[in-house]
């Protein structure tokens, strides 16, 4: 058995008994999981000796010039699901309740890892630019996910350029530890489509949302010491792989289990240990 096959087999054995299946009943999705107040995601306890010594998944709330709540795409299901899988599949102590923070919130610096999504219409104000620059230079890590095509990339590149005018994003090769030396080994830089795109394009193998987004890109921003401060996942959608894991068996097996969870876990592991 190859190493990749072994990893996927272990992942399947761990995840399938707890797969988050839902069913269609009377016009609405009825969740079969316990704990409906958490969107069906099971709760778990924390080490009472060190109740604050935990990783908390933190999503960034921001302004956008189009749809005003793009920051909330896939929320809260993706955040709960990912937090659950992270604590289930690793030795990281994870808080059962993810949080939402603004870049100007006082508690920002309590979170070593931030997640920002759908940044194609992102607009930072001056205070957010200053806060994000300070956060990243002081050791914080930002993961950016789920934006597609050249126009959305140009907008995000412009806004990030306001934060760091003298730094440029660099493509991350597949040989990088994020893909090769994390909790899971990935043979490629995957493109993870939304569930609707995946189902529509299944027969033709289409996994991109638009014609100018056919190639996934994973890029990084580094500080002066070579520490990765930010990873940018462009033309791919890890968040939908987390959010939608209970809606379709094929999508779960093909994208959530193979790529969205393994890569997300690798990114968190790298951010906390580099």
C-alpha atoms as a PDB file:
ATOM      1  CA  UNK A   1       0.000   0.000   0.000  1.00  0.00           C
ATOM      2  CA  UNK A   2       1.389   3.414  -0.976  1.00  0.00           C
ATOM      3  CA  UNK A   3       1.798   6.173   1.597  1.00  0.00           C
ATOM      4  CA  UNK A   4      -0.939   8.234  -0.067  1.00  0.00           C
ATOM      5  CA  UNK A   5      -3.329   5.283  -0.072  1.00  0.00           C
ATOM      6  CA  UNK A   6      -2.553   4.563   3.563  1.00  0.00           C
ATOM      7  CA  UNK A   7      -3.222   8.181   4.551  1.00  0.00           C
ATOM      8  CA  UNK A   8      -6.527   8.250   2.696  1.00  0.00           C
ATOM      9  CA  UNK A   9      -7.526   4.878   4.179  1.00  0.00           C
ATOM     10  CA  UNK A  10      -6.877   6.130   7.703  1.00  0.00           C
ATOM     11  CA  UNK A  11      -8.816   9.297   6.940  1.00  0.00           C
ATOM     12  CA  UNK A  12     -11.751   7.297   5.617  1.00  0.00           C
ATOM     13  CA  UNK A  13     -11.806   5.016   8.665  1.00  0.00           C
ATOM     14  CA  UNK A  14     -11.801   7.990  10.994  1.00  0.00           C
ATOM     15  CA  UNK A  15     -14.330  10.111   9.167  1.00  0.00           C
ATOM     16  CA  UNK A  16     -16.917   7.815   7.595  1.00  0.00           C
ATOM     17  CA  UNK A  17     -18.528   6.664  10.879  1.00  0.00           C
ATOM     18  CA  UNK A  18     -19.127  10.322  11.724  1.00  0.00           C
ATOM     19  CA  UNK A  19     -19.996  11.577   8.236  1.00  0.00           C
ATOM     20  CA  UNK A  20     -22.471  14.398   8.465  1.00  0.00           C
ATOM     21  CA  UNK A  21     -25.266  13.205   6.224  1.00  0.00           C
ATOM     22  CA  UNK A  22     -28.476  15.163   5.816  1.00  0.00           C
ATOM     23  CA  UNK A  23     -31.732  14.320   4.053  1.00  0.00           C
ATOM     24  CA  UNK A  24     -34.418  16.200   2.203  1.00  0.00           C
ATOM     25  CA  UNK A  25     -37.744  16.222   4.092  1.00  0.00           C
ATOM     26  CA  UNK A  26     -40.814  18.413   3.584  1.00  0.00           C
ATOM     27  CA  UNK A  27     -39.013  21.076   1.614  1.00  0.00           C
ATOM     28  CA  UNK A  28     -36.025  21.609   3.944  1.00  0.00           C
ATOM     29  CA  UNK A  29     -32.795  19.957   4.945  1.00  0.00           C
ATOM     30  CA  UNK A  30     -33.305  17.942   8.126  1.00  0.00           C
ATOM     31  CA  UNK A  31     -30.049  17.225   9.926  1.00  0.00           C
ATOM     32  CA  UNK A  32     -29.583  13.725  11.329  1.00  0.00           C
ATOM     33  CA  UNK A  33     -26.828  14.769  13.714  1.00  0.00           C
ATOM     34  CA  UNK A  34     -27.199  15.479  17.427  1.00  0.00           C
ATOM     35  CA  UNK A  35     -26.769  19.002  18.726  1.00  0.00           C
ATOM     36  CA  UNK A  36     -29.003  21.075  16.452  1.00  0.00           C
ATOM     37  CA  UNK A  37     -28.068  24.287  18.283  1.00  0.00           C
ATOM     38  CA  UNK A  38     -24.544  23.904  16.851  1.00  0.00           C
ATOM     39  CA  UNK A  39     -25.791  23.162  13.360  1.00  0.00           C
ATOM     40  CA  UNK A  40     -25.585  19.483  14.230  1.00  0.00           C
ATOM     41  CA  UNK A  41     -21.841  19.460  14.943  1.00  0.00           C
ATOM     42  CA  UNK A  42     -21.068  17.498  18.129  1.00  0.00           C
ATOM     43  CA  UNK A  43     -19.699  19.428  21.096  1.00  0.00           C
ATOM     44  CA  UNK A  44     -16.616  18.337  22.993  1.00  0.00           C
ATOM     45  CA  UNK A  45     -14.928  19.177  26.256  1.00  0.00           C
ATOM     46  CA  UNK A  46     -11.629  20.930  26.861  1.00  0.00           C
ATOM     47  CA  UNK A  47      -8.775  20.187  29.228  1.00  0.00           C
ATOM     48  CA  UNK A  48      -9.942  21.834  32.440  1.00  0.00           C
ATOM     49  CA  UNK A  49      -6.362  22.306  33.636  1.00  0.00           C
ATOM     50  CA  UNK A  50      -5.613  24.500  30.595  1.00  0.00           C
ATOM     51  CA  UNK A  51      -9.005  25.689  29.328  1.00  0.00           C
ATOM     52  CA  UNK A  52      -7.522  28.660  27.454  1.00  0.00           C
ATOM     53  CA  UNK A  53      -4.616  26.767  25.906  1.00  0.00           C
ATOM     54  CA  UNK A  54      -6.571  25.947  22.758  1.00  0.00           C
ATOM     55  CA  UNK A  55      -6.731  26.803  19.060  1.00  0.00           C
ATOM     56  CA  UNK A  56      -9.829  28.785  18.097  1.00  0.00           C
ATOM     57  CA  UNK A  57     -10.864  29.070  14.467  1.00  0.00           C
ATOM     58  CA  UNK A  58     -11.273  32.818  13.826  1.00  0.00           C
ATOM     59  CA  UNK A  59     -13.044  34.222  10.769  1.00  0.00           C
ATOM     60  CA  UNK A  60     -12.474  37.830   9.687  1.00  0.00           C
ATOM     61  CA  UNK A  61     -15.457  40.142   9.259  1.00  0.00           C
ATOM     62  CA  UNK A  62     -14.759  42.839   6.665  1.00  0.00           C
ATOM     63  CA  UNK A  63     -16.461  45.331   4.359  1.00  0.00           C
ATOM     64  CA  UNK A  64     -17.063  44.735   0.657  1.00  0.00           C
ATOM     65  CA  UNK A  65     -18.286  46.980  -2.131  1.00  0.00           C
ATOM     66  CA  UNK A  66     -20.700  44.407  -3.549  1.00  0.00           C
ATOM     67  CA  UNK A  67     -22.720  41.953  -1.501  1.00  0.00           C
ATOM     68  CA  UNK A  68     -22.158  43.327   1.996  1.00  0.00           C
ATOM     69  CA  UNK A  69     -21.795  40.018   3.876  1.00  0.00           C
ATOM     70  CA  UNK A  70     -19.400  38.118   1.623  1.00  0.00           C
ATOM     71  CA  UNK A  71     -17.192  37.574   4.657  1.00  0.00           C
ATOM     72  CA  UNK A  72     -19.934  35.229   5.949  1.00  0.00           C
ATOM     73  CA  UNK A  73     -19.916  32.862   2.952  1.00  0.00           C
ATOM     74  CA  UNK A  74     -20.245  29.235   4.169  1.00  0.00           C
ATOM     75  CA  UNK A  75     -20.651  30.503   7.739  1.00  0.00           C
ATOM     76  CA  UNK A  76     -21.183  29.063  10.316  1.00  0.00           C
ATOM     77  CA  UNK A  77     -21.299  25.459   9.096  1.00  0.00           C
ATOM     78  CA  UNK A  78     -17.817  25.431   7.567  1.00  0.00           C
ATOM     79  CA  UNK A  79     -16.240  26.858  10.731  1.00  0.00           C
ATOM     80  CA  UNK A  80     -17.954  24.365  13.035  1.00  0.00           C
ATOM     81  CA  UNK A  81     -17.237  21.415  10.750  1.00  0.00           C
ATOM     82  CA  UNK A  82     -13.579  22.316  10.301  1.00  0.00           C
ATOM     83  CA  UNK A  83     -13.062  22.886  14.029  1.00  0.00           C
ATOM     84  CA  UNK A  84     -14.611  19.486  14.718  1.00  0.00           C
ATOM     85  CA  UNK A  85     -12.464  17.656  12.182  1.00  0.00           C
ATOM     86  CA  UNK A  86      -9.301  19.460  13.298  1.00  0.00           C
ATOM     87  CA  UNK A  87      -9.726  18.286  16.886  1.00  0.00           C
ATOM     88  CA  UNK A  88     -10.846  14.822  15.772  1.00  0.00           C
ATOM     89  CA  UNK A  89      -7.973  14.111  13.385  1.00  0.00           C
ATOM     90  CA  UNK A  90      -5.045  15.824  15.116  1.00  0.00           C
ATOM     91  CA  UNK A  91      -3.593  16.252  18.592  1.00  0.00           C
ATOM     92  CA  UNK A  92      -4.338  19.997  18.492  1.00  0.00           C
ATOM     93  CA  UNK A  93      -6.614  21.124  21.333  1.00  0.00           C
ATOM     94  CA  UNK A  94      -9.406  22.964  19.494  1.00  0.00           C
ATOM     95  CA  UNK A  95     -12.134  25.191  20.914  1.00  0.00           C
ATOM     96  CA  UNK A  96     -15.580  23.818  20.008  1.00  0.00           C
ATOM     97  CA  UNK A  97     -16.900  27.293  19.187  1.00  0.00           C
ATOM     98  CA  UNK A  98     -15.277  29.278  16.346  1.00  0.00           C
ATOM     99  CA  UNK A  99     -15.375  33.069  16.497  1.00  0.00           C
ATOM    100  CA  UNK A 100     -15.800  36.042  14.162  1.00  0.00           C
ATOM    101  CA  UNK A 101     -13.490  39.032  14.585  1.00  0.00           C
ATOM    102  CA  UNK A 102     -12.946  42.361  12.878  1.00  0.00           C
ATOM    103  CA  UNK A 103      -9.390  43.428  12.169  1.00  0.00           C
ATOM    104  CA  UNK A 104      -9.851  46.377  14.533  1.00  0.00           C
ATOM    105  CA  UNK A 105     -11.165  44.299  17.454  1.00  0.00           C
ATOM    106  CA  UNK A 106      -9.033  44.309  20.596  1.00  0.00           C
ATOM    107  CA  UNK A 107      -9.082  40.503  20.774  1.00  0.00           C
ATOM    108  CA  UNK A 108      -7.547  40.131  17.290  1.00  0.00           C
ATOM    109  CA  UNK A 109      -4.109  39.432  18.714  1.00  0.00           C
ATOM    110  CA  UNK A 110      -5.454  36.579  20.825  1.00  0.00           C
ATOM    111  CA  UNK A 111      -5.817  34.519  17.643  1.00  0.00           C
ATOM    112  CA  UNK A 112      -2.661  33.272  15.860  1.00  0.00           C
ATOM    113  CA  UNK A 113      -4.682  32.156  12.820  1.00  0.00           C
ATOM    114  CA  UNK A 114      -7.280  34.097  10.819  1.00  0.00           C
ATOM    115  CA  UNK A 115      -9.512  32.911   7.976  1.00  0.00           C
ATOM    116  CA  UNK A 116     -10.816  35.322   5.330  1.00  0.00           C
ATOM    117  CA  UNK A 117     -13.099  34.285   2.480  1.00  0.00           C
ATOM    118  CA  UNK A 118     -14.595  35.723  -0.750  1.00  0.00           C
ATOM    119  CA  UNK A 119     -12.175  38.651  -0.973  1.00  0.00           C
ATOM    120  CA  UNK A 120     -12.951  39.516  -4.584  1.00  0.00           C
ATOM    121  CA  UNK A 121     -14.901  42.601  -3.444  1.00  0.00           C
ATOM    122  CA  UNK A 122     -12.957  43.260  -0.248  1.00  0.00           C
ATOM    123  CA  UNK A 123     -12.308  46.863   0.753  1.00  0.00           C
ATOM    124  CA  UNK A 124     -10.055  47.697   3.720  1.00  0.00           C
ATOM    125  CA  UNK A 125     -10.354  51.000   5.510  1.00  0.00           C
ATOM    126  CA  UNK A 126      -7.172  52.663   6.784  1.00  0.00           C
ATOM    127  CA  UNK A 127      -7.536  51.300  10.317  1.00  0.00           C
ATOM    128  CA  UNK A 128      -7.897  47.753   8.981  1.00  0.00           C
ATOM    129  CA  UNK A 129      -4.787  48.171   6.822  1.00  0.00           C
ATOM    130  CA  UNK A 130      -2.779  49.264   9.853  1.00  0.00           C
ATOM    131  CA  UNK A 131      -4.195  46.534  12.086  1.00  0.00           C
ATOM    132  CA  UNK A 132      -3.593  43.708   9.598  1.00  0.00           C
ATOM    133  CA  UNK A 133      -0.022  44.846   8.947  1.00  0.00           C
ATOM    134  CA  UNK A 134       0.695  44.913  12.681  1.00  0.00           C
ATOM    135  CA  UNK A 135      -0.986  41.541  13.250  1.00  0.00           C
ATOM    136  CA  UNK A 136       1.009  39.783  10.528  1.00  0.00           C
ATOM    137  CA  UNK A 137       4.364  41.344  11.403  1.00  0.00           C
ATOM    138  CA  UNK A 138       3.882  40.412  15.052  1.00  0.00           C
ATOM    139  CA  UNK A 139       3.544  36.724  14.218  1.00  0.00           C
ATOM    140  CA  UNK A 140      -0.052  36.261  13.091  1.00  0.00           C
ATOM    141  CA  UNK A 141      -1.110  34.117  10.130  1.00  0.00           C
ATOM    142  CA  UNK A 142      -3.860  34.767   7.576  1.00  0.00           C
ATOM    143  CA  UNK A 143      -5.511  32.196   5.301  1.00  0.00           C
ATOM    144  CA  UNK A 144      -7.449  33.625   2.331  1.00  0.00           C
ATOM    145  CA  UNK A 145      -9.882  31.361   0.490  1.00  0.00           C
ATOM    146  CA  UNK A 146     -12.604  31.130  -2.175  1.00  0.00           C
ATOM    147  CA  UNK A 147     -12.225  33.848  -4.776  1.00  0.00           C
ATOM    148  CA  UNK A 148     -12.094  33.235  -8.492  1.00  0.00           C
ATOM    149  CA  UNK A 149     -10.810  34.772 -11.711  1.00  0.00           C
ATOM    150  CA  UNK A 150      -8.555  37.653 -12.648  1.00  0.00           C
ATOM    151  CA  UNK A 151     -10.848  40.526 -11.661  1.00  0.00           C
ATOM    152  CA  UNK A 152     -11.326  39.292  -8.104  1.00  0.00           C
ATOM    153  CA  UNK A 153      -7.609  38.538  -7.803  1.00  0.00           C
ATOM    154  CA  UNK A 154      -6.708  42.045  -8.971  1.00  0.00           C
ATOM    155  CA  UNK A 155      -8.955  43.562  -6.314  1.00  0.00           C
ATOM    156  CA  UNK A 156      -7.459  41.492  -3.516  1.00  0.00           C
ATOM    157  CA  UNK A 157      -3.917  42.083  -4.757  1.00  0.00           C
ATOM    158  CA  UNK A 158      -4.585  45.823  -4.654  1.00  0.00           C
ATOM    159  CA  UNK A 159      -5.952  45.725  -1.099  1.00  0.00           C
ATOM    160  CA  UNK A 160      -3.115  43.501   0.126  1.00  0.00           C
ATOM    161  CA  UNK A 161      -0.696  45.910  -1.561  1.00  0.00           C
ATOM    162  CA  UNK A 162      -2.042  48.645   0.705  1.00  0.00           C
ATOM    163  CA  UNK A 163      -1.059  46.488   3.698  1.00  0.00           C
ATOM    164  CA  UNK A 164       2.397  45.630   2.325  1.00  0.00           C
ATOM    165  CA  UNK A 165       3.369  47.876  -0.600  1.00  0.00           C
ATOM    166  CA  UNK A 166       6.879  46.407  -0.680  1.00  0.00           C
ATOM    167  CA  UNK A 167       5.973  42.697  -0.636  1.00  0.00           C
ATOM    168  CA  UNK A 168       4.641  40.438  -3.389  1.00  0.00           C
ATOM    169  CA  UNK A 169       2.785  37.150  -3.273  1.00  0.00           C
ATOM    170  CA  UNK A 170       4.867  34.136  -4.295  1.00  0.00           C
ATOM    171  CA  UNK A 171       3.554  30.884  -5.747  1.00  0.00           C
ATOM    172  CA  UNK A 172       3.881  27.906  -3.391  1.00  0.00           C
ATOM    173  CA  UNK A 173       5.280  24.818  -5.171  1.00  0.00           C
ATOM    174  CA  UNK A 174       3.799  21.380  -4.604  1.00  0.00           C
ATOM    175  CA  UNK A 175       7.101  20.411  -2.951  1.00  0.00           C
ATOM    176  CA  UNK A 176       6.419  22.835  -0.087  1.00  0.00           C
ATOM    177  CA  UNK A 177       5.918  21.341   3.417  1.00  0.00           C
ATOM    178  CA  UNK A 178       2.274  22.489   3.410  1.00  0.00           C
ATOM    179  CA  UNK A 179       1.611  19.856   0.746  1.00  0.00           C
ATOM    180  CA  UNK A 180       4.296  17.303   1.563  1.00  0.00           C
ATOM    181  CA  UNK A 181       5.205  17.338   5.262  1.00  0.00           C
ATOM    182  CA  UNK A 182       2.010  18.170   7.105  1.00  0.00           C
ATOM    183  CA  UNK A 183      -0.460  15.835   8.746  1.00  0.00           C
ATOM    184  CA  UNK A 184      -1.427  14.659   5.247  1.00  0.00           C
ATOM    185  CA  UNK A 185       0.633  14.292   2.086  1.00  0.00           C
ATOM    186  CA  UNK A 186      -0.913  15.792  -1.051  1.00  0.00           C
ATOM    187  CA  UNK A 187       0.334  14.876  -4.502  1.00  0.00           C
ATOM    188  CA  UNK A 188      -1.000  18.028  -6.141  1.00  0.00           C
ATOM    189  CA  UNK A 189      -2.280  21.519  -5.433  1.00  0.00           C
ATOM    190  CA  UNK A 190      -5.982  20.737  -5.638  1.00  0.00           C
ATOM    191  CA  UNK A 191      -8.832  22.736  -7.065  1.00  0.00           C
ATOM    192  CA  UNK A 192     -11.842  22.373  -4.787  1.00  0.00           C
ATOM    193  CA  UNK A 193     -15.074  23.584  -6.386  1.00  0.00           C
ATOM    194  CA  UNK A 194     -18.277  24.616  -4.675  1.00  0.00           C
ATOM    195  CA  UNK A 195     -20.775  21.798  -4.479  1.00  0.00           C
ATOM    196  CA  UNK A 196     -22.979  23.342  -7.198  1.00  0.00           C
ATOM    197  CA  UNK A 197     -20.081  23.672  -9.647  1.00  0.00           C
ATOM    198  CA  UNK A 198     -18.908  20.159  -8.814  1.00  0.00           C
ATOM    199  CA  UNK A 199     -22.299  18.601  -9.460  1.00  0.00           C
ATOM    200  CA  UNK A 200     -22.867  20.596 -12.658  1.00  0.00           C
ATOM    201  CA  UNK A 201     -19.429  19.817 -14.066  1.00  0.00           C
ATOM    202  CA  UNK A 202     -19.087  16.260 -12.793  1.00  0.00           C
ATOM    203  CA  UNK A 203     -19.460  14.534 -16.153  1.00  0.00           C
ATOM    204  CA  UNK A 204     -16.916  16.788 -17.876  1.00  0.00           C
ATOM    205  CA  UNK A 205     -14.551  17.041 -14.915  1.00  0.00           C
ATOM    206  CA  UNK A 206     -15.073  20.814 -14.620  1.00  0.00           C
ATOM    207  CA  UNK A 207     -14.001  22.127 -11.217  1.00  0.00           C
ATOM    208  CA  UNK A 208     -13.693  25.861 -11.923  1.00  0.00           C
ATOM    209  CA  UNK A 209     -16.299  28.587 -11.516  1.00  0.00           C
ATOM    210  CA  UNK A 210     -15.337  30.649 -14.570  1.00  0.00           C
ATOM    211  CA  UNK A 211     -13.195  30.334 -17.648  1.00  0.00           C
ATOM    212  CA  UNK A 212     -10.386  32.539 -16.337  1.00  0.00           C
ATOM    213  CA  UNK A 213     -10.141  30.441 -13.170  1.00  0.00           C
ATOM    214  CA  UNK A 214      -9.235  27.007 -14.482  1.00  0.00           C
ATOM    215  CA  UNK A 215      -5.891  26.771 -12.659  1.00  0.00           C
ATOM    216  CA  UNK A 216      -5.764  26.817  -8.849  1.00  0.00           C
ATOM    217  CA  UNK A 217      -3.109  28.986  -7.236  1.00  0.00           C
ATOM    218  CA  UNK A 218      -1.644  28.806  -3.757  1.00  0.00           C
ATOM    219  CA  UNK A 219       0.485  31.813  -2.960  1.00  0.00           C
ATOM    220  CA  UNK A 220       2.295  33.110   0.108  1.00  0.00           C
ATOM    221  CA  UNK A 221       3.446  36.377   1.624  1.00  0.00           C
ATOM    222  CA  UNK A 222       6.613  36.262   3.737  1.00  0.00           C
ATOM    223  CA  UNK A 223       8.167  38.517   6.364  1.00  0.00           C
ATOM    224  CA  UNK A 224      11.822  39.601   6.405  1.00  0.00           C
ATOM    225  CA  UNK A 225      12.858  36.374   8.140  1.00  0.00           C
ATOM    226  CA  UNK A 226      11.173  34.131   5.586  1.00  0.00           C
ATOM    227  CA  UNK A 227       8.216  33.276   7.818  1.00  0.00           C
ATOM    228  CA  UNK A 228       4.991  32.747   5.907  1.00  0.00           C
ATOM    229  CA  UNK A 229       2.503  35.354   7.113  1.00  0.00           C
ATOM    230  CA  UNK A 230      -0.312  34.681   4.678  1.00  0.00           C
ATOM    231  CA  UNK A 231      -1.467  31.904   2.359  1.00  0.00           C
ATOM    232  CA  UNK A 232      -3.799  32.805  -0.499  1.00  0.00           C
ATOM    233  CA  UNK A 233      -5.956  30.035  -1.993  1.00  0.00           C
ATOM    234  CA  UNK A 234      -7.173  31.390  -5.350  1.00  0.00           C
ATOM    235  CA  UNK A 235      -9.468  29.607  -7.828  1.00  0.00           C
ATOM    236  CA  UNK A 236     -10.419  27.056  -5.187  1.00  0.00           C
ATOM    237  CA  UNK A 237     -12.919  26.791  -2.327  1.00  0.00           C
ATOM    238  CA  UNK A 238     -11.873  24.870   0.764  1.00  0.00           C
ATOM    239  CA  UNK A 239     -14.702  26.448   2.751  1.00  0.00           C
ATOM    240  CA  UNK A 240     -17.413  24.773   0.682  1.00  0.00           C
ATOM    241  CA  UNK A 241     -15.664  21.450   1.145  1.00  0.00           C
ATOM    242  CA  UNK A 242     -15.996  21.971   4.894  1.00  0.00           C
ATOM    243  CA  UNK A 243     -19.512  23.416   4.864  1.00  0.00           C
ATOM    244  CA  UNK A 244     -21.126  20.896   2.518  1.00  0.00           C
ATOM    245  CA  UNK A 245     -19.702  17.634   3.769  1.00  0.00           C
ATOM    246  CA  UNK A 246     -23.118  16.299   4.764  1.00  0.00           C
ATOM    247  CA  UNK A 247     -25.046  17.150   1.623  1.00  0.00           C
ATOM    248  CA  UNK A 248     -23.777  14.747  -1.021  1.00  0.00           C
ATOM    249  CA  UNK A 249     -21.816  11.518  -0.604  1.00  0.00           C
ATOM    250  CA  UNK A 250     -19.869  11.874  -3.864  1.00  0.00           C
ATOM    251  CA  UNK A 251     -18.853  15.470  -3.147  1.00  0.00           C
ATOM    252  CA  UNK A 252     -17.770  14.522   0.377  1.00  0.00           C
ATOM    253  CA  UNK A 253     -15.641  11.631  -0.866  1.00  0.00           C
ATOM    254  CA  UNK A 254     -14.174  13.430  -3.869  1.00  0.00           C
ATOM    255  CA  UNK A 255     -13.451  16.880  -2.428  1.00  0.00           C
ATOM    256  CA  UNK A 256     -14.076  17.221   1.322  1.00  0.00           C
ATOM    257  CA  UNK A 257     -12.295  14.047   2.375  1.00  0.00           C
ATOM    258  CA  UNK A 258      -9.520  14.006  -0.228  1.00  0.00           C
ATOM    259  CA  UNK A 259      -8.564  17.670  -0.294  1.00  0.00           C
ATOM    260  CA  UNK A 260     -10.517  20.287   1.681  1.00  0.00           C
ATOM    261  CA  UNK A 261      -9.956  18.835   5.132  1.00  0.00           C
ATOM    262  CA  UNK A 262      -6.410  17.496   4.599  1.00  0.00           C
ATOM    263  CA  UNK A 263      -5.186  20.767   3.084  1.00  0.00           C
ATOM    264  CA  UNK A 264      -6.954  22.934   5.651  1.00  0.00           C
ATOM    265  CA  UNK A 265      -5.486  20.875   8.478  1.00  0.00           C
ATOM    266  CA  UNK A 266      -2.023  21.060   6.892  1.00  0.00           C
ATOM    267  CA  UNK A 267      -2.257  24.842   6.634  1.00  0.00           C
ATOM    268  CA  UNK A 268      -3.218  25.229  10.298  1.00  0.00           C
ATOM    269  CA  UNK A 269      -0.496  22.779  11.365  1.00  0.00           C
ATOM    270  CA  UNK A 270       2.120  24.675   9.322  1.00  0.00           C
ATOM    271  CA  UNK A 271       0.953  28.063  10.586  1.00  0.00           C
ATOM    272  CA  UNK A 272       1.278  26.956  14.211  1.00  0.00           C
ATOM    273  CA  UNK A 273       4.614  25.148  13.880  1.00  0.00           C
ATOM    274  CA  UNK A 274       6.722  26.981  11.267  1.00  0.00           C
END
